[in-house]
Amino acid sequence: MTISKGPQAFPRSEYLRRVGLVKAEMARRGVDALLVNNSRNITYLTGCTARSGITPQGLVVSAAKEEPTFILRGLDAPAAIHQSFLERGNVIGYPEKLIANPDMDGFDAVIDFLHELGVASCGLGLELGDLSAQTAEKFKARMPKAKLVDCTKAVAWIRTIKSDLEIAVMREAAAIADAGIMRAAEVIRPGVREADAMAEIMATLARGANGKPGTDLANVFFCSSPRTGTCHIRWSEDIIREGSQINIELGGVRHGYVAAIMRTFSVGAPSERLRRVHEAELAGLEAALGTVRPGATCSDVANAFYRTIEKYGVKKSTRCGYAIGVDWTEPTASLQTGEMTELKPNMTFHLMLGNWIDEDFGYALSETFRVTDSGVEVLTRAPRKLFELS
């Protein structure tokens, strides 16, 4: 028996469009074949969201072949066949003898394939930022005639501009994120264990929204008193108490695509300091969103936020957002002063206004947005309020 092809998140034509964009970039860089081993880029180019842990895997995009070839551990190959748009013959599982082998690993199988493909003396693109130094040396030693070209962020930059099909999936993910926040507002109460509240929130993120289930669970950060000055911390073993503040960051996931959101919760009446920070950050968020349009820069958006909150006597020392898409963060455009990347239609960002002011005090507010032809579409829609719970 063989595994069947599963439902595809996007049509074949969409994946071939993406591969075509990569091939055009390869031609610009003088590359005949590109090895993609960043898992997010593999998801983008194939639809496969399964992860093979720490074992080597590589997607070879050849200028001479319509489809890429996915080379990965043999026991992970059925998942790639099932989830990806690739024909079965373009998924190659390497043998288990390459696992935990001190002399060889899965990248040797990739290099063997590149020799068979006839590109051992051609331009070869590598995502060097995602390869160990030892593996990079292996490519140099086993392909001495190849011209190795660093293509670390080539695919990531292509990913920054989404198709309309991708935007539709991002909207679905955003609805799930909203549902998670609203569930948090229902279950955060005095006397409830943080772990029990998180169980309810996670269940909502899995069940999804509007008939669309979540297809994965992204990071969820639950920063409660006295830990509101932290940003990337999990829930604790504590019981939620009257007077507690809780900052939550979570994301809805659909087919690998993430929409993120942050909100702040006060169990009981918030302090005057928290109210003041919320007022400043809300004004800053609206100013930043009002700056979004094609041709504006990331710096323009960030500066609109910073200038606004400073009028309220509040400062934020960290960046205020980043490009978002497959598996949360895209390592490209950043919303911060001096970042001159121009906004273009269908770029998506997490406008992340978390502000960690002191070691024991911080605040969280964010939205995921899309750049439109003339302005901005905010994808997340949970109320922009300081949630006061009792």
Protein backbone atom coordinates (compact mmCIF):
# COMPACT_ATOMS: atom_id res chain seq x y z
CA MET A 1 0.00 0.00 0.00
CA THR A 2 1.13 3.56 -0.70
CA ILE A 3 0.12 6.73 1.06
CA SER A 4 -2.40 8.91 -0.75
CA LYS A 5 -1.96 12.55 -1.71
CA GLY A 6 -3.64 14.70 0.92
CA PRO A 7 -5.74 17.85 0.45
CA GLN A 8 -3.57 20.71 -0.75
CA ALA A 9 -3.72 24.13 0.87
CA PHE A 10 -3.03 25.76 -2.50
CA PRO A 11 -3.40 24.66 -6.13
CA ARG A 12 -0.43 23.33 -8.06
CA SER A 13 -0.32 26.54 -10.09
CA GLU A 14 0.36 28.55 -6.92
CA TYR A 15 3.35 26.43 -5.97
CA LEU A 16 4.72 26.57 -9.50
CA ARG A 17 4.32 30.37 -9.41
CA ARG A 18 6.49 30.48 -6.28
CA VAL A 19 9.06 28.12 -7.76
CA GLY A 20 9.12 30.33 -10.86
CA LEU A 21 9.95 33.38 -8.75
CA VAL A 22 12.80 31.45 -7.13
CA LYS A 23 14.12 30.34 -10.51
CA ALA A 24 14.11 33.95 -11.72
CA GLU A 25 16.18 34.94 -8.68
CA MET A 26 18.51 32.00 -9.30
CA ALA A 27 19.08 33.20 -12.87
CA ARG A 28 19.85 36.68 -11.58
CA ARG A 29 22.49 35.24 -9.24
CA GLY A 30 23.99 32.84 -11.80
CA VAL A 31 22.73 29.74 -9.99
CA ASP A 32 21.75 26.53 -11.81
CA ALA A 33 20.50 24.72 -8.73
CA LEU A 34 19.48 25.97 -5.30
CA LEU A 35 19.50 23.88 -2.13
CA VAL A 36 16.75 25.03 0.23
CA ASN A 37 17.05 23.56 3.71
CA ASN A 38 15.26 26.20 5.77
CA SER A 39 12.06 24.48 6.89
CA ARG A 40 9.92 27.60 6.41
CA ASN A 41 11.10 27.99 2.84
CA ILE A 42 10.44 24.31 2.19
CA THR A 43 6.86 24.78 3.42
CA TYR A 44 6.47 27.82 1.17
CA LEU A 45 7.71 26.00 -1.93
CA THR A 46 6.04 22.62 -1.38
CA GLY A 47 3.18 22.85 1.13
CA CYS A 48 4.84 20.32 3.43
CA THR A 49 4.50 21.40 7.06
CA ALA A 50 5.81 18.20 8.68
CA ARG A 51 9.16 18.60 10.39
CA SER A 52 11.94 16.02 10.39
CA GLY A 53 13.49 17.15 13.64
CA ILE A 54 17.24 17.66 13.53
CA THR A 55 17.89 15.30 10.63
CA PRO A 56 19.20 16.91 7.42
CA GLN A 57 16.78 17.61 4.60
CA GLY A 58 17.01 19.61 1.42
CA LEU A 59 14.81 20.81 -1.39
CA VAL A 60 16.72 21.10 -4.66
CA VAL A 61 15.32 23.66 -7.09
CA SER A 62 16.83 23.06 -10.52
CA ALA A 63 16.56 25.51 -13.37
CA ALA A 64 16.10 22.53 -15.70
CA LYS A 65 13.24 20.83 -13.83
CA GLU A 66 9.65 22.01 -13.40
CA GLU A 67 9.32 20.69 -9.85
CA PRO A 68 11.87 20.77 -7.05
CA THR A 69 13.18 17.52 -5.59
CA PHE A 70 12.77 16.95 -1.85
CA ILE A 71 15.46 14.78 -0.21
CA LEU A 72 14.84 13.79 3.40
CA ARG A 73 14.99 10.94 5.87
CA GLY A 74 13.22 7.87 4.54
CA LEU A 75 10.76 7.60 7.38
CA ASP A 76 9.70 11.24 6.79
CA ALA A 77 9.18 10.79 3.04
CA PRO A 78 5.55 9.59 3.30
CA ALA A 79 4.59 12.84 5.04
CA ALA A 80 6.19 14.83 2.22
CA ILE A 81 4.38 12.75 -0.40
CA HIS A 82 1.08 13.25 1.44
CA GLN A 83 1.35 16.95 2.20
CA SER A 84 3.31 18.47 -0.68
CA PHE A 85 2.27 19.21 -4.24
CA LEU A 86 5.31 17.27 -5.51
CA GLU A 87 4.97 14.19 -7.65
CA ARG A 88 6.02 11.01 -5.85
CA GLY A 89 9.19 10.68 -7.92
CA ASN A 90 10.37 14.07 -6.67
CA VAL A 91 10.38 12.96 -3.03
CA ILE A 92 13.50 10.92 -2.21
CA GLY A 93 13.96 9.26 1.15
CA TYR A 94 17.54 8.52 2.17
CA PRO A 95 18.43 5.38 4.16
CA GLU A 96 18.56 5.10 7.93
CA LYS A 97 22.27 4.28 7.81
CA LEU A 98 22.88 8.03 7.41
CA ILE A 99 21.28 8.74 10.80
CA ALA A 100 23.71 9.10 13.73
CA ASN A 101 26.55 8.16 11.41
CA PRO A 102 29.80 9.86 12.44
CA ASP A 103 31.12 9.97 8.88
CA MET A 104 28.09 10.66 6.69
CA ASP A 105 24.63 12.23 6.97
CA GLY A 106 21.64 13.22 4.89
CA PHE A 107 23.54 16.00 3.16
CA ASP A 108 25.72 13.34 1.56
CA ALA A 109 22.54 12.04 -0.08
CA VAL A 110 21.78 15.59 -1.25
CA ILE A 111 25.28 15.94 -2.70
CA ASP A 112 24.97 12.56 -4.44
CA PHE A 113 21.75 13.79 -6.04
CA LEU A 114 23.39 17.02 -7.19
CA HIS A 115 26.12 15.00 -8.90
CA GLU A 116 23.46 12.86 -10.60
CA LEU A 117 21.66 16.02 -11.66
CA GLY A 118 24.80 17.14 -13.45
CA VAL A 119 25.33 20.41 -11.59
CA ALA A 120 28.52 19.54 -9.71
CA SER A 121 30.46 22.01 -11.87
CA CYS A 122 27.77 24.70 -12.05
CA GLY A 123 26.50 27.52 -9.90
CA LEU A 124 25.02 26.10 -6.69
CA GLY A 125 23.05 28.24 -4.29
CA LEU A 126 23.16 27.38 -0.59
CA GLU A 127 21.30 28.81 2.38
CA LEU A 128 24.56 29.15 4.27
CA GLY A 129 22.95 30.87 7.21
CA ASP A 130 21.02 27.66 7.90
CA LEU A 131 23.91 25.26 7.39
CA SER A 132 26.54 24.34 9.95
CA ALA A 133 30.13 25.27 9.11
CA GLN A 134 30.94 21.57 8.94
CA THR A 135 28.20 20.97 6.37
CA ALA A 136 29.29 23.95 4.27
CA GLU A 137 32.81 22.53 4.22
CA LYS A 138 31.39 19.20 3.10
CA PHE A 139 29.80 20.84 0.06
CA LYS A 140 33.10 22.53 -0.79
CA ALA A 141 35.05 19.29 -0.43
CA ARG A 142 32.66 17.05 -2.35
CA MET A 143 31.80 19.62 -5.05
CA PRO A 144 35.15 21.37 -5.61
CA LYS A 145 34.26 22.56 -9.12
CA ALA A 146 30.94 24.09 -8.17
CA LYS A 147 30.54 27.83 -7.80
CA LEU A 148 28.91 28.13 -4.37
CA VAL A 149 26.67 31.17 -3.95
CA ASP A 150 25.23 32.35 -0.64
CA CYS A 151 21.44 32.51 -1.09
CA THR A 152 20.54 32.54 2.60
CA LYS A 153 17.59 34.95 2.44
CA ALA A 154 16.72 34.73 -1.24
CA VAL A 155 13.53 32.73 -0.73
CA ALA A 156 12.62 34.62 2.46
CA TRP A 157 12.53 37.93 0.58
CA ILE A 158 10.33 36.39 -2.11
CA ARG A 159 7.97 35.24 0.64
CA THR A 160 7.44 38.80 1.89
CA ILE A 161 4.92 39.61 -0.85
CA LYS A 162 1.98 37.22 -0.56
CA SER A 163 -0.41 36.10 -3.25
CA ASP A 164 -4.12 36.69 -2.77
CA LEU A 165 -4.44 32.98 -1.96
CA GLU A 166 -1.90 33.35 0.84
CA ILE A 167 -3.69 36.43 2.17
CA ALA A 168 -6.93 34.43 2.37
CA VAL A 169 -5.17 31.84 4.53
CA MET A 170 -3.65 34.60 6.68
CA ARG A 171 -7.17 35.94 7.30
CA GLU A 172 -8.22 32.48 8.48
CA ALA A 173 -5.22 32.35 10.82
CA ALA A 174 -6.08 35.82 12.14
CA ALA A 175 -9.64 34.74 12.99
CA ILE A 176 -8.17 31.86 15.00
CA ALA A 177 -5.84 34.24 16.84
CA ASP A 178 -8.80 36.47 17.69
CA ALA A 179 -10.71 33.46 19.01
CA GLY A 180 -7.76 32.58 21.23
CA ILE A 181 -7.68 36.07 22.76
CA MET A 182 -11.42 36.10 23.36
CA ARG A 183 -11.23 32.69 25.01
CA ALA A 184 -8.48 34.03 27.26
CA ALA A 185 -10.83 36.80 28.34
CA GLU A 186 -13.39 34.16 29.30
CA VAL A 187 -11.15 31.82 31.29
CA ILE A 188 -8.74 34.15 33.09
CA ARG A 189 -10.29 34.51 36.52
CA PRO A 190 -9.11 34.62 40.14
CA GLY A 191 -8.51 31.13 41.51
CA VAL A 192 -7.90 29.55 38.08
CA ARG A 193 -4.56 27.85 37.52
CA GLU A 194 -2.54 29.43 34.72
CA ALA A 195 -2.07 25.96 33.23
CA ASP A 196 -5.84 25.38 33.11
CA ALA A 197 -6.41 28.75 31.44
CA MET A 198 -3.74 27.91 28.89
CA ALA A 199 -5.33 24.52 28.19
CA GLU A 200 -8.55 26.29 27.20
CA ILE A 201 -6.73 28.83 25.05
CA MET A 202 -4.72 26.11 23.28
CA ALA A 203 -7.88 24.08 22.66
CA THR A 204 -9.45 27.10 20.98
CA LEU A 205 -6.39 27.60 18.77
CA ALA A 206 -6.65 23.94 17.71
CA ARG A 207 -10.41 24.02 17.12
CA GLY A 208 -10.06 27.19 15.09
CA ALA A 209 -12.72 29.66 13.96
CA ASN A 210 -15.41 29.97 11.32
CA GLY A 211 -15.23 26.26 10.56
CA LYS A 212 -11.49 26.43 9.85
CA PRO A 213 -9.43 24.48 12.40
CA GLY A 214 -5.98 25.44 13.47
CA THR A 215 -3.47 23.17 11.76
CA ASP A 216 -0.67 23.65 14.30
CA LEU A 217 0.05 25.37 17.60
CA ALA A 218 2.44 28.30 17.51
CA ASN A 219 4.26 29.71 20.52
CA VAL A 220 2.01 31.11 23.24
CA PHE A 221 3.51 33.43 25.83
CA PHE A 222 1.67 33.99 29.12
CA CYS A 223 3.50 36.67 31.09
CA SER A 224 1.74 37.14 34.42
CA SER A 225 2.49 39.16 37.53
CA PRO A 226 5.25 39.52 38.66
CA ARG A 227 6.61 38.47 35.24
CA THR A 228 4.99 41.13 33.03
CA GLY A 229 8.43 42.64 32.39
CA THR A 230 9.32 39.50 30.43
CA CYS A 231 8.36 38.88 26.82
CA HIS A 232 9.00 35.23 25.96
CA ILE A 233 7.99 33.20 28.96
CA ARG A 234 5.43 30.42 29.37
CA TRP A 235 2.65 30.04 31.88
CA SER A 236 3.66 29.11 35.42
CA GLU A 237 2.30 26.81 38.12
CA ASP A 238 0.69 29.80 39.83
CA ILE A 239 -2.95 30.48 40.54
CA ILE A 240 -4.37 33.64 38.97
CA ARG A 241 -5.05 36.18 41.71
CA GLU A 242 -7.04 39.36 42.12
CA GLY A 243 -4.84 42.27 41.04
CA SER A 244 -2.79 40.18 38.60
CA GLN A 245 -1.81 41.48 35.19
CA ILE A 246 -1.34 39.05 32.30
CA ASN A 247 0.23 39.83 28.91
CA ILE A 248 -0.55 37.25 26.23
CA GLU A 249 1.02 36.75 22.81
CA LEU A 250 -0.35 34.00 20.60
CA GLY A 251 -0.83 33.09 16.97
CA GLY A 252 -3.43 31.32 14.89
CA VAL A 253 -2.03 28.83 12.37
CA ARG A 254 -3.43 27.69 9.02
CA HIS A 255 -1.33 25.49 6.76
CA GLY A 256 1.89 26.85 8.22
CA TYR A 257 0.83 30.51 8.01
CA VAL A 258 0.64 32.46 11.26
CA ALA A 259 -1.23 35.60 12.29
CA ALA A 260 -0.15 36.93 15.68
CA ILE A 261 -1.81 39.08 18.31
CA MET A 262 -0.99 40.46 21.78
CA ARG A 263 -3.34 41.78 24.44
CA THR A 264 -3.07 42.78 28.10
CA PHE A 265 -5.45 41.55 30.81
CA SER A 266 -6.02 43.00 34.29
CA VAL A 267 -7.72 40.87 36.93
CA GLY A 268 -9.58 43.59 38.74
CA ALA A 269 -9.05 47.31 38.25
CA PRO A 270 -5.77 48.11 36.47
CA SER A 271 -3.23 50.44 38.00
CA GLU A 272 -3.10 54.04 36.88
CA ARG A 273 0.32 53.34 35.37
CA LEU A 274 -1.09 50.49 33.26
CA ARG A 275 -4.00 52.64 32.09
CA ARG A 276 -1.61 55.41 31.06
CA VAL A 277 0.64 53.05 29.11
CA HIS A 278 -2.37 51.48 27.40
CA GLU A 279 -3.66 54.88 26.31
CA ALA A 280 -0.26 55.82 24.88
CA GLU A 281 0.26 52.51 23.09
CA LEU A 282 -3.23 52.52 21.60
CA ALA A 283 -2.66 55.99 20.19
CA GLY A 284 0.72 54.86 18.86
CA LEU A 285 -0.81 51.80 17.22
CA GLU A 286 -3.38 53.92 15.40
CA ALA A 287 -0.69 56.37 14.28
CA ALA A 288 1.48 53.54 12.95
CA LEU A 289 -1.40 51.92 11.05
CA GLY A 290 -2.31 55.30 9.60
CA THR A 291 1.17 55.51 8.09
CA VAL A 292 0.96 52.17 6.25
CA ARG A 293 0.74 52.52 2.48
CA PRO A 294 2.74 51.37 -0.54
CA GLY A 295 5.94 53.39 -0.85
CA ALA A 296 6.19 54.18 2.86
CA THR A 297 9.12 52.59 4.64
CA CYS A 298 9.32 50.37 7.68
CA SER A 299 11.05 53.29 9.38
CA ASP A 300 8.09 55.58 8.62
CA VAL A 301 5.70 53.20 10.39
CA ALA A 302 8.00 52.76 13.39
CA ASN A 303 8.67 56.46 13.77
CA ALA A 304 4.95 57.29 13.73
CA PHE A 305 4.53 54.95 16.69
CA TYR A 306 7.55 56.18 18.63
CA ARG A 307 6.72 59.86 18.16
CA THR A 308 3.15 59.35 19.31
CA ILE A 309 3.86 57.45 22.52
CA GLU A 310 6.56 59.92 23.48
CA LYS A 311 3.89 62.63 23.56
CA TYR A 312 2.32 60.60 26.34
CA GLY A 313 5.60 60.31 28.22
CA VAL A 314 6.17 56.68 27.23
CA LYS A 315 9.16 55.23 25.39
CA LYS A 316 9.85 51.84 23.79
CA SER A 317 13.46 50.77 23.29
CA THR A 318 12.82 47.76 21.02
CA ARG A 319 11.56 47.45 17.46
CA CYS A 320 7.82 47.57 16.93
CA GLY A 321 7.28 44.79 14.42
CA TYR A 322 8.46 42.50 11.66
CA ALA A 323 7.35 40.67 8.54
CA ILE A 324 5.19 37.65 9.31
CA GLY A 325 3.98 34.65 7.33
CA VAL A 326 5.05 31.03 7.28
CA ASP A 327 5.86 29.78 10.79
CA TRP A 328 5.59 33.30 12.31
CA THR A 329 8.62 35.54 11.75
CA GLU A 330 10.10 36.26 8.34
CA PRO A 331 13.79 37.26 8.71
CA THR A 332 13.53 40.21 6.36
CA ALA A 333 11.76 43.55 6.88
CA SER A 334 11.72 44.98 10.41
CA LEU A 335 9.60 47.83 11.73
CA GLN A 336 12.26 49.98 13.33
CA THR A 337 13.91 53.35 12.90
CA GLY A 338 16.32 53.41 9.96
CA GLU A 339 14.86 50.32 8.22
CA MET A 340 14.29 51.66 4.71
CA THR A 341 12.54 48.66 3.18
CA GLU A 342 9.58 50.00 1.20
CA LEU A 343 6.13 48.62 1.87
CA LYS A 344 4.45 46.88 -1.06
CA PRO A 345 0.93 45.51 -1.52
CA ASN A 346 0.36 42.13 0.14
CA MET A 347 3.29 42.41 2.51
CA THR A 348 2.14 41.27 5.96
CA PHE A 349 3.52 42.42 9.31
CA HIS A 350 3.09 41.84 13.00
CA LEU A 351 2.86 45.35 14.45
CA MET A 352 4.24 44.23 17.80
CA LEU A 353 3.97 46.98 20.41
CA GLY A 354 4.93 44.96 23.47
CA ASN A 355 6.77 47.29 25.79
CA TRP A 356 8.91 45.89 28.59
CA ILE A 357 9.54 48.95 30.69
CA ASP A 358 10.95 47.55 33.92
CA GLU A 359 12.03 44.08 35.01
CA ASP A 360 8.67 43.63 36.72
CA PHE A 361 6.38 45.71 34.48
CA GLY A 362 5.45 45.55 30.83
CA TYR A 363 2.51 45.85 28.47
CA ALA A 364 1.40 44.02 25.32
CA LEU A 365 -0.61 45.13 22.30
CA SER A 366 -0.28 44.07 18.65
CA GLU A 367 -2.04 43.47 15.35
CA THR A 368 -1.22 41.55 12.20
CA PHE A 369 -1.78 43.71 9.13
CA ARG A 370 -1.57 43.60 5.35
CA VAL A 371 -0.37 46.39 3.11
CA THR A 372 -3.10 47.07 0.52
CA ASP A 373 -2.94 48.96 -2.77
CA SER A 374 -3.79 52.18 -0.96
CA GLY A 375 -3.33 51.64 2.76
CA VAL A 376 -3.76 48.94 5.37
CA GLU A 377 -5.98 45.97 6.20
CA VAL A 378 -5.81 44.87 9.83
CA LEU A 379 -6.25 41.10 9.82
CA THR A 380 -6.64 40.56 13.58
CA ARG A 381 -9.83 42.06 14.99
CA ALA A 382 -10.07 41.36 18.72
CA PRO A 383 -11.07 44.50 20.66
CA ARG A 384 -8.18 46.89 21.17
CA LYS A 385 -8.79 47.32 24.82
CA LEU A 386 -7.20 46.71 28.14
CA PHE A 387 -9.25 43.71 29.23
CA GLU A 388 -10.54 44.24 32.79
CA LEU A 389 -11.61 40.89 34.24
CA SER A 390 -13.26 39.97 37.51
